[in-house]
N, C-alpha and C. Protein backbone atom coordinates (compact mmCIF):
# COMPACT_ATOMS: atom_id res chain seq x y z
N MET A 1 -2.28 -14.70 5.58
CA MET A 1 -1.56 -15.17 7.29
C MET A 1 -0.10 -14.99 6.91
N ASP A 2 0.33 -16.38 6.44
CA ASP A 2 1.76 -16.43 6.27
C ASP A 2 2.16 -15.22 5.74
N GLU A 3 1.80 -14.55 4.85
CA GLU A 3 2.34 -13.07 4.57
C GLU A 3 2.66 -12.28 5.75
N ILE A 4 1.76 -12.01 6.25
CA ILE A 4 1.62 -11.03 7.51
C ILE A 4 3.02 -11.58 8.52
N GLN A 5 2.40 -13.04 8.57
CA GLN A 5 3.62 -13.66 9.76
C GLN A 5 5.37 -13.16 9.58
N HIS A 6 5.36 -13.61 8.31
CA HIS A 6 6.77 -13.58 7.65
C HIS A 6 7.07 -11.90 7.04
N SER A 7 6.43 -10.95 7.79
CA SER A 7 6.62 -9.68 6.82
C SER A 7 7.98 -9.25 7.43
N GLU A 8 8.17 -7.77 7.14
CA GLU A 8 9.66 -7.30 7.79
C GLU A 8 9.23 -7.28 9.21
N THR A 9 8.00 -6.75 9.49
CA THR A 9 7.53 -6.61 10.91
C THR A 9 6.19 -7.34 11.28
N PRO A 10 6.81 -8.88 11.87
CA PRO A 10 5.88 -9.98 11.77
C PRO A 10 5.09 -9.29 13.02
N ALA A 11 3.46 -9.99 12.85
CA ALA A 11 2.65 -9.74 14.00
C ALA A 11 3.33 -10.58 14.91
N LEU A 12 3.41 -10.03 16.44
CA LEU A 12 3.80 -10.91 17.40
C LEU A 12 2.63 -11.43 18.48
N SER A 13 1.52 -11.44 17.87
CA SER A 13 0.37 -11.72 19.02
C SER A 13 -0.69 -12.28 17.67
N TYR A 14 -1.39 -13.03 18.37
CA TYR A 14 -2.64 -13.33 17.42
C TYR A 14 -3.67 -12.07 17.04
N ARG A 15 -3.91 -11.31 18.19
CA ARG A 15 -4.77 -10.39 18.16
C ARG A 15 -4.06 -9.31 17.14
N GLU A 16 -2.78 -9.01 17.34
CA GLU A 16 -2.12 -8.11 16.07
C GLU A 16 -2.55 -8.63 14.90
N MET A 17 -2.17 -10.06 14.66
CA MET A 17 -2.01 -10.52 13.32
C MET A 17 -3.68 -10.49 12.70
N ALA A 18 -4.45 -10.61 13.68
CA ALA A 18 -5.98 -10.90 13.59
C ALA A 18 -6.34 -9.21 13.06
N ALA A 19 -5.78 -8.47 13.45
CA ALA A 19 -6.02 -6.76 13.13
C ALA A 19 -5.56 -6.56 11.85
N ARG A 20 -4.32 -6.96 11.91
CA ARG A 20 -3.62 -6.76 10.48
C ARG A 20 -4.26 -7.61 9.06
N PHE A 21 -4.67 -8.44 9.61
CA PHE A 21 -5.42 -9.63 8.34
C PHE A 21 -6.79 -8.55 8.36
N ARG A 22 -7.59 -8.10 8.80
CA ARG A 22 -8.63 -7.53 8.60
C ARG A 22 -8.46 -6.07 8.26
N ALA A 23 -7.54 -5.56 8.23
CA ALA A 23 -7.07 -4.33 7.90
C ALA A 23 -6.88 -4.30 6.36
N ALA A 24 -6.42 -5.37 6.01
CA ALA A 24 -5.91 -5.67 4.83
C ALA A 24 -7.01 -6.12 3.77
N GLY A 25 -8.33 -6.11 4.36
CA GLY A 25 -9.44 -6.37 3.80
C GLY A 25 -9.99 -7.52 3.63
N HIS A 26 -9.15 -8.58 4.33
CA HIS A 26 -9.62 -10.09 4.28
C HIS A 26 -10.75 -10.42 5.36
N SER A 27 -11.34 -11.54 5.41
CA SER A 27 -12.46 -11.76 6.22
C SER A 27 -12.52 -13.17 6.14
N ALA A 28 -12.56 -13.47 7.82
CA ALA A 28 -12.81 -15.25 8.15
C ALA A 28 -13.41 -14.87 9.26
N SER A 29 -13.93 -15.89 9.66
CA SER A 29 -14.52 -16.51 11.20
C SER A 29 -13.33 -16.48 12.08
N GLU A 30 -13.63 -16.20 13.16
CA GLU A 30 -12.76 -16.56 14.37
C GLU A 30 -12.22 -17.60 14.74
N VAL A 31 -12.97 -18.62 13.86
CA VAL A 31 -12.28 -19.98 14.17
C VAL A 31 -11.42 -20.35 13.09
N ARG A 32 -11.69 -20.12 11.86
CA ARG A 32 -10.97 -20.14 10.87
C ARG A 32 -9.49 -19.35 10.69
N LEU A 33 -9.84 -18.13 11.49
CA LEU A 33 -8.42 -17.44 11.51
C LEU A 33 -7.77 -18.06 12.84
N ARG A 34 -8.01 -18.50 13.99
CA ARG A 34 -7.39 -18.89 14.81
C ARG A 34 -6.65 -20.68 14.34
N GLN A 35 -7.42 -21.15 13.43
CA GLN A 35 -6.70 -22.50 12.95
C GLN A 35 -5.44 -21.95 12.34
N ALA A 36 -5.68 -20.94 11.19
CA ALA A 36 -4.60 -20.51 10.22
C ALA A 36 -3.22 -20.01 11.25
N TRP A 37 -3.83 -19.71 12.27
CA TRP A 37 -2.79 -18.75 12.95
C TRP A 37 -2.05 -20.07 13.65
N LYS A 38 -2.46 -20.93 14.23
CA LYS A 38 -2.08 -22.31 14.80
C LYS A 38 -1.05 -22.95 13.66
N ARG A 39 -1.49 -22.74 12.56
CA ARG A 39 -0.60 -23.54 11.59
C ARG A 39 0.77 -22.82 11.26
N VAL A 40 0.62 -21.16 11.45
CA VAL A 40 1.44 -20.34 10.97
C VAL A 40 2.58 -20.54 12.09
N VAL A 41 2.13 -20.52 13.25
CA VAL A 41 3.30 -20.55 14.21
C VAL A 41 3.94 -21.61 15.01
N ALA A 42 3.22 -22.89 14.36
CA ALA A 42 3.49 -24.07 14.58
C ALA A 42 5.05 -24.62 13.87
């Protein structure tokens, strides 16, 4: 998650980040994904 957020072209929204996360082959529940997103943008 942090890697996606701090890449050269960071995800601008939660939905974009979630799409990149899943496209990279990762899986997580929506609850865990939202919790991680909140930690990254905090």
